[in-house]
Amino acid sequence: MIETNGFDERMQYGGQDREFGERLMNMGIKTRQVRYRCSCAHLDHGRGYARPESIAKNREIRRNTRRNRLTRTDYGIDSHAAEPAPL
């Protein structure tokens, strides 16, 4: 996760995990489908923030990740390095 710089924080609703996974695959990490075979937790919430503009933006970020075989984002964990720790 650190090597990829985490999630691309330019992305809004939808696709952050898929884009992150694509960067991991671009690094050569093999994936495995575990749907319905492992436990996970998800906070149920409304999706009022899902707008066509944000979905289009996310798709373009994912296309760029695939097209350029990116393994790291410039818009992730490192962008918080200079921030002071919360009290």
PDB file of N, CA and C in Angstrom:
ATOM      1  N   MET A   1       0.825  -1.188   0.000  1.00  0.00           N
ATOM      2  CA  MET A   1       0.000   0.000   0.000  1.00  0.00           C
ATOM      3  C   MET A   1       0.874   1.258   0.000  1.00  0.00           C
ATOM      4  N   ILE A   2       1.913   1.262   0.810  1.00  0.00           N
ATOM      5  CA  ILE A   2       2.793   2.435   0.888  1.00  0.00           C
ATOM      6  C   ILE A   2       3.494   2.665  -0.456  1.00  0.00           C
ATOM      7  N   GLU A   3       3.959   1.601  -1.080  1.00  0.00           N
ATOM      8  CA  GLU A   3       4.680   1.732  -2.346  1.00  0.00           C
ATOM      9  C   GLU A   3       3.810   2.339  -3.448  1.00  0.00           C
ATOM     10  N   THR A   4       2.503   2.088  -3.421  1.00  0.00           N
ATOM     11  CA  THR A   4       1.597   2.647  -4.437  1.00  0.00           C
ATOM     12  C   THR A   4       1.116   4.045  -4.056  1.00  0.00           C
ATOM     13  N   ASN A   5       1.412   4.474  -2.829  1.00  0.00           N
ATOM     14  CA  ASN A   5       0.989   5.752  -2.254  1.00  0.00           C
ATOM     15  C   ASN A   5      -0.505   5.749  -1.930  1.00  0.00           C
ATOM     16  N   GLY A   6      -1.065   4.574  -1.697  1.00  0.00           N
ATOM     17  CA  GLY A   6      -2.450   4.461  -1.229  1.00  0.00           C
ATOM     18  C   GLY A   6      -3.486   4.810  -2.282  1.00  0.00           C
ATOM     19  N   PHE A   7      -4.666   5.189  -1.816  1.00  0.00           N
ATOM     20  CA  PHE A   7      -5.754   5.552  -2.717  1.00  0.00           C
ATOM     21  C   PHE A   7      -5.469   6.885  -3.399  1.00  0.00           C
ATOM     22  N   ASP A   8      -5.938   7.027  -4.633  1.00  0.00           N
ATOM     23  CA  ASP A   8      -5.833   8.284  -5.369  1.00  0.00           C
ATOM     24  C   ASP A   8      -6.945   9.193  -4.854  1.00  0.00           C
ATOM     25  N   GLU A   9      -6.567  10.229  -4.118  1.00  0.00           N
ATOM     26  CA  GLU A   9      -7.545  11.075  -3.442  1.00  0.00           C
ATOM     27  C   GLU A   9      -8.229  12.076  -4.357  1.00  0.00           C
ATOM     28  N   ARG A  10      -7.892  12.080  -5.634  1.00  0.00           N
ATOM     29  CA  ARG A  10      -8.654  12.902  -6.584  1.00  0.00           C
ATOM     30  C   ARG A  10      -9.996  12.256  -6.874  1.00  0.00           C
ATOM     31  N   MET A  11     -10.071  10.961  -6.651  1.00  0.00           N
ATOM     32  CA  MET A  11     -11.287  10.223  -6.977  1.00  0.00           C
ATOM     33  C   MET A  11     -12.363  10.503  -5.938  1.00  0.00           C
ATOM     34  N   GLN A  12     -13.590  10.535  -6.413  1.00  0.00           N
ATOM     35  CA  GLN A  12     -14.717  10.749  -5.535  1.00  0.00           C
ATOM     36  C   GLN A  12     -15.477   9.438  -5.419  1.00  0.00           C
ATOM     37  N   TYR A  13     -16.787   9.475  -5.419  1.00  0.00           N
ATOM     38  CA  TYR A  13     -17.563   8.256  -5.220  1.00  0.00           C
ATOM     39  C   TYR A  13     -17.270   7.215  -6.290  1.00  0.00           C
ATOM     40  N   GLY A  14     -16.947   6.021  -5.861  1.00  0.00           N
ATOM     41  CA  GLY A  14     -16.867   4.860  -6.749  1.00  0.00           C
ATOM     42  C   GLY A  14     -15.542   4.653  -7.449  1.00  0.00           C
ATOM     43  N   GLY A  15     -15.030   3.467  -7.348  1.00  0.00           N
ATOM     44  CA  GLY A  15     -13.878   3.064  -8.132  1.00  0.00           C
ATOM     45  C   GLY A  15     -12.519   3.217  -7.478  1.00  0.00           C
ATOM     46  N   GLN A  16     -12.450   3.837  -6.288  1.00  0.00           N
ATOM     47  CA  GLN A  16     -11.144   4.021  -5.659  1.00  0.00           C
ATOM     48  C   GLN A  16     -10.442   2.689  -5.428  1.00  0.00           C
ATOM     49  N   ASP A  17     -11.184   1.717  -4.958  1.00  0.00           N
ATOM     50  CA  ASP A  17     -10.577   0.410  -4.684  1.00  0.00           C
ATOM     51  C   ASP A  17     -10.154  -0.288  -5.975  1.00  0.00           C
ATOM     52  N   ARG A  18     -10.930  -0.131  -7.031  1.00  0.00           N
ATOM     53  CA  ARG A  18     -10.576  -0.763  -8.304  1.00  0.00           C
ATOM     54  C   ARG A  18      -9.314  -0.146  -8.893  1.00  0.00           C
ATOM     55  N   GLU A  19      -9.199   1.181  -8.836  1.00  0.00           N
ATOM     56  CA  GLU A  19      -8.019   1.859  -9.367  1.00  0.00           C
ATOM     57  C   GLU A  19      -6.785   1.481  -8.549  1.00  0.00           C
ATOM     58  N   PHE A  20      -6.939   1.423  -7.234  1.00  0.00           N
ATOM     59  CA  PHE A  20      -5.844   0.998  -6.347  1.00  0.00           C
ATOM     60  C   PHE A  20      -5.407  -0.428  -6.712  1.00  0.00           C
ATOM     61  N   GLY A  21      -6.369  -1.307  -6.918  1.00  0.00           N
ATOM     62  CA  GLY A  21      -6.068  -2.684  -7.311  1.00  0.00           C
ATOM     63  C   GLY A  21      -5.365  -2.763  -8.651  1.00  0.00           C
ATOM     64  N   GLU A  22      -5.733  -1.890  -9.582  1.00  0.00           N
ATOM     65  CA  GLU A  22      -5.081  -1.885 -10.888  1.00  0.00           C
ATOM     66  C   GLU A  22      -3.614  -1.498 -10.761  1.00  0.00           C
ATOM     67  N   ARG A  23      -3.303  -0.552  -9.877  1.00  0.00           N
ATOM     68  CA  ARG A  23      -1.896  -0.204  -9.662  1.00  0.00           C
ATOM     69  C   ARG A  23      -1.135  -1.370  -9.042  1.00  0.00           C
ATOM     70  N   LEU A  24      -1.771  -2.094  -8.118  1.00  0.00           N
ATOM     71  CA  LEU A  24      -1.133  -3.279  -7.537  1.00  0.00           C
ATOM     72  C   LEU A  24      -0.861  -4.328  -8.622  1.00  0.00           C
ATOM     73  N   MET A  25      -1.839  -4.549  -9.507  1.00  0.00           N
ATOM     74  CA  MET A  25      -1.644  -5.505 -10.599  1.00  0.00           C
ATOM     75  C   MET A  25      -0.539  -5.039 -11.534  1.00  0.00           C
ATOM     76  N   ASN A  26      -0.452  -3.718 -11.774  1.00  0.00           N
ATOM     77  CA  ASN A  26       0.616  -3.184 -12.616  1.00  0.00           C
ATOM     78  C   ASN A  26       1.990  -3.429 -12.001  1.00  0.00           C
ATOM     79  N   MET A  27       2.036  -3.609 -10.678  1.00  0.00           N
ATOM     80  CA  MET A  27       3.288  -3.932  -9.979  1.00  0.00           C
ATOM     81  C   MET A  27       3.607  -5.420 -10.074  1.00  0.00           C
ATOM     82  N   GLY A  28       2.671  -6.206 -10.594  1.00  0.00           N
ATOM     83  CA  GLY A  28       2.887  -7.638 -10.720  1.00  0.00           C
ATOM     84  C   GLY A  28       2.243  -8.460  -9.624  1.00  0.00           C
ATOM     85  N   ILE A  29       1.468  -7.813  -8.772  1.00  0.00           N
ATOM     86  CA  ILE A  29       0.779  -8.539  -7.705  1.00  0.00           C
ATOM     87  C   ILE A  29      -0.424  -9.255  -8.306  1.00  0.00           C
ATOM     88  N   LYS A  30      -0.529 -10.531  -8.058  1.00  0.00           N
ATOM     89  CA  LYS A  30      -1.629 -11.341  -8.588  1.00  0.00           C
ATOM     90  C   LYS A  30      -2.873 -11.126  -7.734  1.00  0.00           C
ATOM     91  N   THR A  31      -4.010 -11.115  -8.386  1.00  0.00           N
ATOM     92  CA  THR A  31      -5.271 -10.918  -7.671  1.00  0.00           C
ATOM     93  C   THR A  31      -6.002 -12.243  -7.521  1.00  0.00           C
ATOM     94  N   ARG A  32      -6.967 -12.221  -6.644  1.00  0.00           N
ATOM     95  CA  ARG A  32      -7.794 -13.407  -6.439  1.00  0.00           C
ATOM     96  C   ARG A  32      -9.208 -12.937  -6.105  1.00  0.00           C
ATOM     97  N   GLN A  33     -10.183 -13.501  -6.765  1.00  0.00           N
ATOM     98  CA  GLN A  33     -11.580 -13.169  -6.506  1.00  0.00           C
ATOM     99  C   GLN A  33     -12.027 -13.897  -5.236  1.00  0.00           C
ATOM    100  N   VAL A  34     -12.460 -13.144  -4.235  1.00  0.00           N
ATOM    101  CA  VAL A  34     -12.875 -13.757  -2.971  1.00  0.00           C
ATOM    102  C   VAL A  34     -14.319 -13.410  -2.613  1.00  0.00           C
ATOM    103  N   ARG A  35     -15.024 -12.815  -3.545  1.00  0.00           N
ATOM    104  CA  ARG A  35     -16.405 -12.444  -3.274  1.00  0.00           C
ATOM    105  C   ARG A  35     -17.204 -13.658  -2.804  1.00  0.00           C
ATOM    106  N   TYR A  36     -17.949 -13.483  -1.749  1.00  0.00           N
ATOM    107  CA  TYR A  36     -18.773 -14.521  -1.119  1.00  0.00           C
ATOM    108  C   TYR A  36     -17.939 -15.605  -0.431  1.00  0.00           C
ATOM    109  N   ARG A  37     -16.618 -15.434  -0.345  1.00  0.00           N
ATOM    110  CA  ARG A  37     -15.766 -16.425   0.304  1.00  0.00           C
ATOM    111  C   ARG A  37     -14.956 -15.849   1.457  1.00  0.00           C
ATOM    112  N   CYS A  38     -15.136 -14.593   1.761  1.00  0.00           N
ATOM    113  CA  CYS A  38     -14.424 -14.014   2.891  1.00  0.00           C
ATOM    114  C   CYS A  38     -15.338 -13.007   3.578  1.00  0.00           C
ATOM    115  N   SER A  39     -14.983 -12.654   4.781  1.00  0.00           N
ATOM    116  CA  SER A  39     -15.769 -11.691   5.554  1.00  0.00           C
ATOM    117  C   SER A  39     -15.246 -10.287   5.311  1.00  0.00           C
ATOM    118  N   CYS A  40     -16.158  -9.347   5.269  1.00  0.00           N
ATOM    119  CA  CYS A  40     -15.761  -7.947   5.182  1.00  0.00           C
ATOM    120  C   CYS A  40     -16.854  -7.114   5.842  1.00  0.00           C
ATOM    121  N   ALA A  41     -16.530  -5.895   6.145  1.00  0.00           N
ATOM    122  CA  ALA A  41     -17.505  -4.981   6.739  1.00  0.00           C
ATOM    123  C   ALA A  41     -17.585  -3.742   5.858  1.00  0.00           C
ATOM    124  N   HIS A  42     -18.772  -3.229   5.708  1.00  0.00           N
ATOM    125  CA  HIS A  42     -18.967  -2.017   4.919  1.00  0.00           C
ATOM    126  C   HIS A  42     -20.017  -1.170   5.603  1.00  0.00           C
ATOM    127  N   LEU A  43     -19.707   0.093   5.774  1.00  0.00           N
ATOM    128  CA  LEU A  43     -20.656   1.021   6.369  1.00  0.00           C
ATOM    129  C   LEU A  43     -21.723   1.348   5.331  1.00  0.00           C
ATOM    130  N   ASP A  44     -22.951   1.036   5.629  1.00  0.00           N
ATOM    131  CA  ASP A  44     -24.044   1.334   4.706  1.00  0.00           C
ATOM    132  C   ASP A  44     -24.330   2.829   4.760  1.00  0.00           C
ATOM    133  N   HIS A  45     -24.432   3.455   3.616  1.00  0.00           N
ATOM    134  CA  HIS A  45     -24.670   4.891   3.553  1.00  0.00           C
ATOM    135  C   HIS A  45     -25.326   5.242   2.230  1.00  0.00           C
ATOM    136  N   GLY A  46     -25.968   6.368   2.231  1.00  0.00           N
ATOM    137  CA  GLY A  46     -26.582   6.864   1.011  1.00  0.00           C
ATOM    138  C   GLY A  46     -25.526   7.250  -0.003  1.00  0.00           C
ATOM    139  N   ARG A  47     -25.909   7.342  -1.248  1.00  0.00           N
ATOM    140  CA  ARG A  47     -24.954   7.688  -2.302  1.00  0.00           C
ATOM    141  C   ARG A  47     -25.357   8.981  -3.001  1.00  0.00           C
ATOM    142  N   GLY A  48     -25.799   9.936  -2.209  1.00  0.00           N
ATOM    143  CA  GLY A  48     -26.236  11.207  -2.771  1.00  0.00           C
ATOM    144  C   GLY A  48     -25.141  11.986  -3.460  1.00  0.00           C
ATOM    145  N   TYR A  49     -23.916  11.649  -3.195  1.00  0.00           N
ATOM    146  CA  TYR A  49     -22.790  12.355  -3.779  1.00  0.00           C
ATOM    147  C   TYR A  49     -22.324  11.729  -5.092  1.00  0.00           C
ATOM    148  N   ALA A  50     -22.981  10.680  -5.539  1.00  0.00           N
ATOM    149  CA  ALA A  50     -22.623  10.050  -6.816  1.00  0.00           C
ATOM    150  C   ALA A  50     -23.221  10.883  -7.940  1.00  0.00           C
ATOM    151  N   ARG A  51     -22.359  11.635  -8.620  1.00  0.00           N
ATOM    152  CA  ARG A  51     -22.800  12.493  -9.706  1.00  0.00           C
ATOM    153  C   ARG A  51     -22.142  12.060 -11.005  1.00  0.00           C
ATOM    154  N   PRO A  52     -22.793  12.268 -12.123  1.00  0.00           N
ATOM    155  CA  PRO A  52     -22.208  11.869 -13.407  1.00  0.00           C
ATOM    156  C   PRO A  52     -20.815  12.460 -13.641  1.00  0.00           C
ATOM    157  N   GLU A  53     -20.582  13.700 -13.191  1.00  0.00           N
ATOM    158  CA  GLU A  53     -19.277  14.335 -13.393  1.00  0.00           C
ATOM    159  C   GLU A  53     -18.182  13.605 -12.618  1.00  0.00           C
ATOM    160  N   SER A  54     -18.475  13.241 -11.369  1.00  0.00           N
ATOM    161  CA  SER A  54     -17.452  12.562 -10.566  1.00  0.00           C
ATOM    162  C   SER A  54     -17.203  11.150 -11.082  1.00  0.00           C
ATOM    163  N   ILE A  55     -18.247  10.489 -11.552  1.00  0.00           N
ATOM    164  CA  ILE A  55     -18.076   9.148 -12.112  1.00  0.00           C
ATOM    165  C   ILE A  55     -17.222   9.216 -13.377  1.00  0.00           C
ATOM    166  N   ALA A  56     -17.457  10.217 -14.232  1.00  0.00           N
ATOM    167  CA  ALA A  56     -16.657  10.387 -15.454  1.00  0.00           C
ATOM    168  C   ALA A  56     -15.198  10.679 -15.108  1.00  0.00           C
ATOM    169  N   LYS A  57     -14.967  11.518 -14.102  1.00  0.00           N
ATOM    170  CA  LYS A  57     -13.603  11.842 -13.668  1.00  0.00           C
ATOM    171  C   LYS A  57     -12.893  10.582 -13.184  1.00  0.00           C
ATOM    172  N   ASN A  58     -13.585   9.789 -12.367  1.00  0.00           N
ATOM    173  CA  ASN A  58     -13.006   8.551 -11.851  1.00  0.00           C
ATOM    174  C   ASN A  58     -12.647   7.586 -12.986  1.00  0.00           C
ATOM    175  N   ARG A  59     -13.531   7.474 -13.956  1.00  0.00           N
ATOM    176  CA  ARG A  59     -13.273   6.571 -15.083  1.00  0.00           C
ATOM    177  C   ARG A  59     -12.038   7.013 -15.868  1.00  0.00           C
ATOM    178  N   GLU A  60     -11.864   8.309 -16.020  1.00  0.00           N
ATOM    179  CA  GLU A  60     -10.697   8.808 -16.742  1.00  0.00           C
ATOM    180  C   GLU A  60      -9.414   8.523 -15.956  1.00  0.00           C
ATOM    181  N   ILE A  61      -9.442   8.664 -14.644  1.00  0.00           N
ATOM    182  CA  ILE A  61      -8.277   8.338 -13.815  1.00  0.00           C
ATOM    183  C   ILE A  61      -7.939   6.859 -13.968  1.00  0.00           C
ATOM    184  N   ARG A  62      -8.967   5.996 -13.934  1.00  0.00           N
ATOM    185  CA  ARG A  62      -8.735   4.552 -14.087  1.00  0.00           C
ATOM    186  C   ARG A  62      -8.189   4.231 -15.474  1.00  0.00           C
ATOM    187  N   ARG A  63      -8.738   4.862 -16.508  1.00  0.00           N
ATOM    188  CA  ARG A  63      -8.233   4.636 -17.882  1.00  0.00           C
ATOM    189  C   ARG A  63      -6.756   5.011 -17.973  1.00  0.00           C
ATOM    190  N   ASN A  64      -6.395   6.139 -17.372  1.00  0.00           N
ATOM    191  CA  ASN A  64      -5.007   6.589 -17.381  1.00  0.00           C
ATOM    192  C   ASN A  64      -4.102   5.601 -16.634  1.00  0.00           C
ATOM    193  N   THR A  65      -4.582   5.067 -15.525  1.00  0.00           N
ATOM    194  CA  THR A  65      -3.814   4.076 -14.763  1.00  0.00           C
ATOM    195  C   THR A  65      -3.549   2.838 -15.608  1.00  0.00           C
ATOM    196  N   ARG A  66      -4.587   2.359 -16.290  1.00  0.00           N
ATOM    197  CA  ARG A  66      -4.428   1.165 -17.138  1.00  0.00           C
ATOM    198  C   ARG A  66      -3.540   1.462 -18.345  1.00  0.00           C
ATOM    199  N   ARG A  67      -3.848   2.562 -19.036  1.00  0.00           N
ATOM    200  CA  ARG A  67      -3.138   2.910 -20.269  1.00  0.00           C
ATOM    201  C   ARG A  67      -1.639   3.087 -20.018  1.00  0.00           C
ATOM    202  N   ASN A  68      -1.293   3.735 -18.921  1.00  0.00           N
ATOM    203  CA  ASN A  68       0.108   4.038 -18.632  1.00  0.00           C
ATOM    204  C   ASN A  68       0.753   3.073 -17.644  1.00  0.00           C
ATOM    205  N   ARG A  69       0.005   2.001 -17.289  1.00  0.00           N
ATOM    206  CA  ARG A  69       0.504   0.974 -16.375  1.00  0.00           C
ATOM    207  C   ARG A  69       1.112   1.589 -15.117  1.00  0.00           C
ATOM    208  N   LEU A  70       0.387   2.562 -14.544  1.00  0.00           N
ATOM    209  CA  LEU A  70       0.863   3.255 -13.348  1.00  0.00           C
ATOM    210  C   LEU A  70       0.898   2.311 -12.154  1.00  0.00           C
ATOM    211  N   THR A  71       1.882   2.505 -11.303  1.00  0.00           N
ATOM    212  CA  THR A  71       1.995   1.728 -10.070  1.00  0.00           C
ATOM    213  C   THR A  71       1.903   2.628  -8.841  1.00  0.00           C
ATOM    214  N   ARG A  72       1.884   3.927  -9.053  1.00  0.00           N
ATOM    215  CA  ARG A  72       1.881   4.878  -7.941  1.00  0.00           C
ATOM    216  C   ARG A  72       1.067   6.104  -8.324  1.00  0.00           C
ATOM    217  N   THR A  73       0.395   6.686  -7.344  1.00  0.00           N
ATOM    218  CA  THR A  73      -0.309   7.945  -7.560  1.00  0.00           C
ATOM    219  C   THR A  73       0.452   9.071  -6.880  1.00  0.00           C
ATOM    220  N   ASP A  74       0.376  10.246  -7.435  1.00  0.00           N
ATOM    221  CA  ASP A  74       0.958  11.431  -6.798  1.00  0.00           C
ATOM    222  C   ASP A  74      -0.031  12.064  -5.824  1.00  0.00           C
ATOM    223  N   TYR A  75      -1.227  11.514  -5.737  1.00  0.00           N
ATOM    224  CA  TYR A  75      -2.305  12.116  -4.963  1.00  0.00           C
ATOM    225  C   TYR A  75      -2.763  11.202  -3.831  1.00  0.00           C
ATOM    226  N   GLY A  76      -1.828  10.684  -3.046  1.00  0.00           N
ATOM    227  CA  GLY A  76      -2.177   9.729  -1.995  1.00  0.00           C
ATOM    228  C   GLY A  76      -1.573  10.079  -0.654  1.00  0.00           C
ATOM    229  N   ILE A  77      -1.055   9.081   0.009  1.00  0.00           N
ATOM    230  CA  ILE A  77      -0.546   9.190   1.373  1.00  0.00           C
ATOM    231  C   ILE A  77       0.487  10.304   1.517  1.00  0.00           C
ATOM    232  N   ASP A  78       1.411  10.409   0.561  1.00  0.00           N
ATOM    233  CA  ASP A  78       2.463  11.404   0.658  1.00  0.00           C
ATOM    234  C   ASP A  78       1.941  12.825   0.760  1.00  0.00           C
ATOM    235  N   SER A  79       0.766  13.085   0.233  1.00  0.00           N
ATOM    236  CA  SER A  79       0.226  14.443   0.270  1.00  0.00           C
ATOM    237  C   SER A  79      -0.109  14.890   1.699  1.00  0.00           C
ATOM    238  N   HIS A  80      -0.092  13.955   2.647  1.00  0.00           N
ATOM    239  CA  HIS A  80      -0.394  14.281   4.047  1.00  0.00           C
ATOM    240  C   HIS A  80       0.858  14.305   4.920  1.00  0.00           C
ATOM    241  N   ALA A  81       2.019  14.065   4.346  1.00  0.00           N
ATOM    242  CA  ALA A  81       3.249  13.938   5.134  1.00  0.00           C
ATOM    243  C   ALA A  81       3.585  15.190   5.925  1.00  0.00           C
ATOM    244  N   ALA A  82       3.286  16.362   5.403  1.00  0.00           N
ATOM    245  CA  ALA A  82       3.646  17.601   6.090  1.00  0.00           C
ATOM    246  C   ALA A  82       2.570  18.072   7.065  1.00  0.00           C
ATOM    247  N   GLU A  83       1.452  17.412   7.093  1.00  0.00           N
ATOM    248  CA  GLU A  83       0.369  17.826   7.989  1.00  0.00           C
ATOM    249  C   GLU A  83       0.681  17.428   9.433  1.00  0.00           C
ATOM    250  N   PRO A  84       0.364  18.302  10.376  1.00  0.00           N
ATOM    251  CA  PRO A  84       0.591  17.934  11.782  1.00  0.00           C
ATOM    252  C   PRO A  84      -0.379  16.844  12.221  1.00  0.00           C
ATOM    253  N   ALA A  85       0.051  16.033  13.142  1.00  0.00           N
ATOM    254  CA  ALA A  85      -0.808  14.968  13.676  1.00  0.00           C
ATOM    255  C   ALA A  85      -1.968  15.592  14.445  1.00  0.00           C
ATOM    256  N   PRO A  86      -3.173  14.989  14.331  1.00  0.00           N
ATOM    257  CA  PRO A  86      -4.316  15.526  15.078  1.00  0.00           C
ATOM    258  C   PRO A  86      -4.114  15.331  16.569  1.00  0.00           C
ATOM    259  N   LEU A  87      -4.664  16.247  17.349  1.00  0.00           N
ATOM    260  CA  LEU A  87      -4.551  16.158  18.821  1.00  0.00           C
ATOM    261  C   LEU A  87      -5.567  15.228  19.395  1.00  0.00           C
TER     262      LEU A  87
END
